């Protein structure tokens, strides 16, 4: 295996020392994922079906990449009880 790969677990801190800018960027992703998950729960409870689909991949040009997501939302008409 060539190169040095480190997998960083986003929830919780202190798993790997990181530069401050990388640490804040990873924390921003974790915070936004938490908000997205909460919004998905609310949408599902309101009657929608939510699927996340990778719509593109951002490449930094140095071997690093990140998936960008797009929501697929399906709403079915609810019949009165």
N, C-alpha and C. Protein backbone atom coordinates (compact mmCIF):
# COMPACT_ATOMS: atom_id res chain seq x y z
N UNK A 1 0.85 -1.17 0.00
CA UNK A 1 0.00 0.00 0.00
C UNK A 1 0.90 1.23 0.00
N UNK A 2 0.67 2.13 -0.95
CA UNK A 2 1.50 3.32 -1.01
C UNK A 2 0.78 4.50 -0.39
N UNK A 3 1.53 5.48 0.07
CA UNK A 3 0.94 6.67 0.67
C UNK A 3 0.56 6.43 2.12
N UNK A 4 0.13 7.48 2.74
CA UNK A 4 -0.26 7.41 4.14
C UNK A 4 -1.72 7.81 4.25
N UNK A 5 -2.58 6.88 4.61
CA UNK A 5 -4.00 7.17 4.76
C UNK A 5 -4.38 7.09 6.23
N UNK A 6 -5.12 8.07 6.68
CA UNK A 6 -5.62 8.08 8.04
C UNK A 6 -7.12 8.27 7.98
N UNK A 7 -7.86 7.39 8.61
CA UNK A 7 -9.31 7.52 8.66
C UNK A 7 -9.65 8.25 9.94
N UNK A 8 -10.44 9.31 9.81
CA UNK A 8 -10.82 10.13 10.96
C UNK A 8 -12.29 9.89 11.24
N UNK A 9 -12.58 9.50 12.46
CA UNK A 9 -13.96 9.35 12.88
C UNK A 9 -14.48 10.72 13.25
N UNK A 10 -15.56 11.19 12.58
CA UNK A 10 -16.05 12.54 12.81
C UNK A 10 -16.67 12.71 14.20
N UNK A 11 -17.62 11.83 14.64
CA UNK A 11 -18.18 12.07 15.97
C UNK A 11 -17.12 11.87 17.05
N UNK A 12 -17.14 12.77 18.03
CA UNK A 12 -16.14 12.69 19.09
C UNK A 12 -14.85 13.35 18.65
N UNK A 13 -14.05 13.73 19.56
CA UNK A 13 -12.81 14.39 19.18
C UNK A 13 -11.62 13.66 19.75
N UNK A 14 -10.45 14.13 19.40
CA UNK A 14 -9.23 13.63 19.98
C UNK A 14 -8.71 12.35 19.39
N UNK A 15 -9.25 11.89 18.24
CA UNK A 15 -8.77 10.63 17.70
C UNK A 15 -7.45 10.81 16.97
N UNK A 16 -7.24 11.94 16.37
CA UNK A 16 -6.02 12.20 15.61
C UNK A 16 -5.67 13.68 15.71
N UNK A 17 -4.41 14.00 15.93
CA UNK A 17 -4.05 15.42 15.90
C UNK A 17 -4.20 15.95 14.48
N UNK A 18 -4.81 17.12 14.34
CA UNK A 18 -5.05 17.71 13.02
C UNK A 18 -4.71 19.19 13.07
N UNK A 19 -4.35 19.76 11.93
CA UNK A 19 -4.16 21.21 11.89
C UNK A 19 -5.49 21.89 12.23
N UNK A 20 -5.45 23.06 12.89
CA UNK A 20 -6.68 23.72 13.31
C UNK A 20 -7.68 23.95 12.18
N UNK A 21 -7.23 24.33 10.97
CA UNK A 21 -8.17 24.58 9.88
C UNK A 21 -8.84 23.29 9.43
N UNK A 22 -8.13 22.17 9.40
CA UNK A 22 -8.72 20.88 9.05
C UNK A 22 -9.69 20.44 10.13
N UNK A 23 -9.31 20.62 11.38
CA UNK A 23 -10.19 20.25 12.49
C UNK A 23 -11.50 21.02 12.40
N UNK A 24 -11.44 22.34 12.17
CA UNK A 24 -12.69 23.10 12.07
C UNK A 24 -13.50 22.71 10.86
N UNK A 25 -12.86 22.39 9.75
CA UNK A 25 -13.60 21.97 8.56
C UNK A 25 -14.33 20.65 8.81
N UNK A 26 -13.66 19.70 9.46
CA UNK A 26 -14.28 18.41 9.75
C UNK A 26 -15.41 18.59 10.76
N UNK A 27 -15.22 19.44 11.74
CA UNK A 27 -16.28 19.71 12.72
C UNK A 27 -17.49 20.37 12.07
N UNK A 28 -17.25 21.27 11.09
CA UNK A 28 -18.36 21.89 10.36
C UNK A 28 -19.17 20.84 9.61
N UNK A 29 -18.48 19.90 8.97
CA UNK A 29 -19.17 18.81 8.27
C UNK A 29 -20.01 18.00 9.26
N UNK A 30 -19.43 17.65 10.40
CA UNK A 30 -20.15 16.87 11.41
C UNK A 30 -21.37 17.63 11.91
N UNK A 31 -21.22 18.93 12.18
CA UNK A 31 -22.35 19.74 12.66
C UNK A 31 -23.46 19.80 11.62
N UNK A 32 -23.07 20.03 10.37
CA UNK A 32 -24.08 20.12 9.32
C UNK A 32 -24.76 18.77 9.06
N UNK A 33 -24.01 17.69 9.20
CA UNK A 33 -24.62 16.36 9.05
C UNK A 33 -25.65 16.12 10.15
N UNK A 34 -25.34 16.56 11.37
CA UNK A 34 -26.29 16.43 12.47
C UNK A 34 -27.57 17.21 12.15
N UNK A 35 -27.43 18.43 11.65
CA UNK A 35 -28.59 19.24 11.29
C UNK A 35 -29.37 18.60 10.14
N UNK A 36 -28.66 18.07 9.16
CA UNK A 36 -29.31 17.40 8.03
C UNK A 36 -30.10 16.19 8.51
N UNK A 37 -29.49 15.38 9.37
CA UNK A 37 -30.18 14.20 9.89
C UNK A 37 -31.44 14.59 10.65
N UNK A 38 -31.37 15.66 11.43
CA UNK A 38 -32.54 16.14 12.17
C UNK A 38 -33.63 16.60 11.19
N UNK A 39 -33.25 17.32 10.14
CA UNK A 39 -34.21 17.78 9.14
C UNK A 39 -34.84 16.60 8.40
N UNK A 40 -34.06 15.56 8.13
CA UNK A 40 -34.60 14.36 7.48
C UNK A 40 -35.65 13.71 8.36
N UNK A 41 -35.37 13.57 9.65
CA UNK A 41 -36.34 12.98 10.58
C UNK A 41 -37.63 13.80 10.56
N UNK A 42 -37.51 15.12 10.60
CA UNK A 42 -38.71 15.97 10.59
C UNK A 42 -39.49 15.80 9.28
N UNK A 43 -38.82 15.74 8.15
CA UNK A 43 -39.50 15.57 6.87
C UNK A 43 -40.19 14.21 6.77
N UNK A 44 -39.53 13.17 7.26
CA UNK A 44 -40.13 11.83 7.24
C UNK A 44 -41.36 11.80 8.15
N UNK A 45 -41.25 12.39 9.34
CA UNK A 45 -42.39 12.44 10.25
C UNK A 45 -43.55 13.24 9.65
N UNK A 46 -43.25 14.20 8.79
CA UNK A 46 -44.29 15.01 8.15
C UNK A 46 -44.89 14.32 6.93
N UNK A 47 -44.30 13.19 6.49
CA UNK A 47 -44.90 12.44 5.40
C UNK A 47 -44.05 12.25 4.16
N UNK A 48 -42.82 12.68 4.17
CA UNK A 48 -41.96 12.53 2.99
C UNK A 48 -41.06 11.30 3.12
N UNK A 49 -40.61 10.81 2.00
CA UNK A 49 -39.56 9.80 1.96
C UNK A 49 -38.33 10.50 1.40
N UNK A 50 -37.20 10.37 2.07
CA UNK A 50 -35.98 11.09 1.69
C UNK A 50 -34.88 10.07 1.38
N UNK A 51 -34.27 10.24 0.23
CA UNK A 51 -33.10 9.42 -0.14
C UNK A 51 -31.99 10.38 -0.53
N UNK A 52 -30.78 10.13 -0.05
CA UNK A 52 -29.64 10.96 -0.43
C UNK A 52 -28.87 10.24 -1.53
N UNK A 53 -28.56 10.97 -2.58
CA UNK A 53 -27.89 10.42 -3.75
C UNK A 53 -26.63 11.23 -4.01
N UNK A 54 -25.53 10.53 -4.25
CA UNK A 54 -24.32 11.27 -4.62
C UNK A 54 -24.53 11.83 -6.01
N UNK A 55 -24.46 13.17 -6.12
CA UNK A 55 -24.68 13.81 -7.43
C UNK A 55 -23.36 14.20 -8.09
N UNK A 56 -22.32 14.35 -7.29
CA UNK A 56 -21.02 14.69 -7.86
C UNK A 56 -19.94 14.41 -6.82
N UNK A 57 -18.73 14.54 -7.25
CA UNK A 57 -17.59 14.34 -6.35
C UNK A 57 -16.62 15.50 -6.58
N UNK A 58 -16.28 16.20 -5.50
CA UNK A 58 -15.33 17.31 -5.58
C UNK A 58 -13.92 16.76 -5.39
N UNK A 59 -13.03 17.07 -6.34
CA UNK A 59 -11.63 16.65 -6.25
C UNK A 59 -10.76 17.87 -5.96
N UNK A 60 -9.87 17.74 -5.00
CA UNK A 60 -8.98 18.85 -4.64
C UNK A 60 -7.73 18.90 -5.52
N UNK A 61 -7.53 17.89 -6.35
CA UNK A 61 -6.37 17.88 -7.23
C UNK A 61 -5.13 17.28 -6.60
N UNK A 62 -5.24 16.81 -5.36
CA UNK A 62 -4.08 16.23 -4.68
C UNK A 62 -4.40 14.83 -4.15
N UNK A 63 -5.39 14.19 -4.78
CA UNK A 63 -5.78 12.85 -4.36
C UNK A 63 -6.90 12.83 -3.34
N UNK A 64 -7.31 13.99 -2.87
CA UNK A 64 -8.39 14.06 -1.89
C UNK A 64 -9.69 14.39 -2.61
N UNK A 65 -10.79 13.84 -2.11
CA UNK A 65 -12.09 14.09 -2.73
C UNK A 65 -13.18 14.04 -1.69
N UNK A 66 -14.34 14.56 -2.06
CA UNK A 66 -15.51 14.51 -1.19
C UNK A 66 -16.77 14.36 -2.02
N UNK A 67 -17.67 13.51 -1.55
CA UNK A 67 -18.93 13.32 -2.24
C UNK A 67 -19.87 14.49 -1.94
N UNK A 68 -20.59 14.93 -2.96
CA UNK A 68 -21.61 15.95 -2.79
C UNK A 68 -22.96 15.27 -3.00
N UNK A 69 -23.92 15.60 -2.14
CA UNK A 69 -25.18 14.88 -2.09
C UNK A 69 -26.34 15.72 -2.63
N UNK A 70 -27.35 14.99 -3.11
CA UNK A 70 -28.58 15.60 -3.59
C UNK A 70 -29.74 14.81 -2.99
N UNK A 71 -30.73 15.50 -2.42
CA UNK A 71 -31.86 14.75 -1.86
C UNK A 71 -32.87 14.37 -2.94
N UNK A 72 -33.39 13.16 -2.85
CA UNK A 72 -34.51 12.72 -3.66
C UNK A 72 -35.69 12.65 -2.70
N UNK A 73 -36.70 13.48 -2.91
CA UNK A 73 -37.83 13.58 -1.99
C UNK A 73 -39.08 13.05 -2.68
N UNK A 74 -39.75 12.13 -2.01
CA UNK A 74 -41.01 11.59 -2.51
C UNK A 74 -42.08 11.87 -1.47
N UNK A 75 -43.17 12.46 -1.92
CA UNK A 75 -44.28 12.73 -1.02
C UNK A 75 -45.52 12.04 -1.59
N UNK A 76 -46.09 11.16 -0.79
CA UNK A 76 -47.31 10.48 -1.20
C UNK A 76 -48.49 11.13 -0.51
N UNK A 77 -49.58 11.21 -1.23
CA UNK A 77 -50.78 11.80 -0.65
C UNK A 77 -51.31 10.93 0.46
N UNK A 78 -51.57 11.54 1.61
CA UNK A 78 -52.10 10.80 2.75
C UNK A 78 -53.61 10.90 2.74
N UNK A 79 -54.25 9.76 2.96
CA UNK A 79 -55.72 9.74 3.01
C UNK A 79 -56.18 10.03 4.43
N UNK A 80 -57.26 10.77 4.57
CA UNK A 80 -57.78 11.04 5.91
C UNK A 80 -58.21 9.77 6.60
N UNK A 81 -58.01 9.71 7.90
CA UNK A 81 -58.37 8.51 8.66
C UNK A 81 -59.85 8.44 8.93
